Amino acid sequence: MSPRPTSMLFVHGFWFGAWCWSEVIERVAATGRAAVAVDMAGHGLRARWPRCLAMRPFDPEGLATEVSPVAGVDLEQAGELLVSQIRRLAQDGPVTVVAHSMGGAPVTWAVQRVPELVAHVVYLAAFMPRSGVPSGDYAQSPENFDSLIGPALRGDPGVIGALRLDLASADADYRELLRNAFFDDVAPEAAEGVVGLLTPDSPVAMQVVGTRLTADGWGSVPRTYITCARDWALRPAVQQRFIAEADADFPDNPTSVVSLDSSHSPFLSMPDRVAEIVTKLD
């Protein structure tokens, strides 16, 4: 009897939710593999919206200064939640964990904590920070200087405790900016619908501390990085930096690399290809 394929846990990035994996989950499940997408702390069903986005008349001062209701969500809290989700899914054996974007930070934290429960970790245009380096350092790095995320943010993250998008804005140029940042290769009408599913606030506290990585922890788990060449949220140069640093620090366990000619959201623009990649890892 052939070994049972590993179960798969899918983790989204900032502003997204478990919903973003629905097209990929459908295809993975069709292969007979168990697959689950979860909401990160402070996102999806765990999200809380600032009051300013629902106020009428609109208050731009409130948008810029209202402290986020998820400001207290930090990397440890997000990582602990993922550990509990990994434990639940790994009852029959180690699982494959797939992370997108900033989801890579708490996934890295969780894998370092329970490497024995993870068969493979996949980073899809995701933050794969070096030992001890905060994810925010990469977001602000020279390699990411022309990312469209910065121009899309509203308010001072240091004041509101979050990276805030104005999802209530009716400004056509701003909404186009959001579509270009996340969904550059998705049809505009479909991308506009997806913008409506985003969460406005993602907590800064998740990206201001790093995770200490060890050779017998995170460094022991096989990893794959899926790069996205048309990514305007996390620029390709940053993605290559993640790979180079991981391979320098853990040369006995090099990163497998797969390249996609896609935007930041290939789970929407090419779900067949994403599902194909992740299901062929074991």
Foldseek 3Di string as FASTA:
>chain_A
DDDDDAAEEEEEAAQAAQVLLVLLCVVLVVVVHHYGYGGFQCFDVNPDAQCQLVDPPHDLVCLAFAAGPRLPDALVNRLVVVLVVLVVRQPVHAHEYEYAAASLQSVLQNQLVCVRRHQEYEYELYQQDDAWAFSVCLCPDPLLVQALLVVQFHYDCVRRQWGFGSLSDPDPVSLVSVCQQAPVPDPPVVSSVSSVNTHGTDGPNHGPTHHGHDCVTSVVHAYEYEAECSERHNHRSSSVVSQVNSCVVNVVRHYHYHYDPGYSRCSPVPSVVVSVVVSPPD
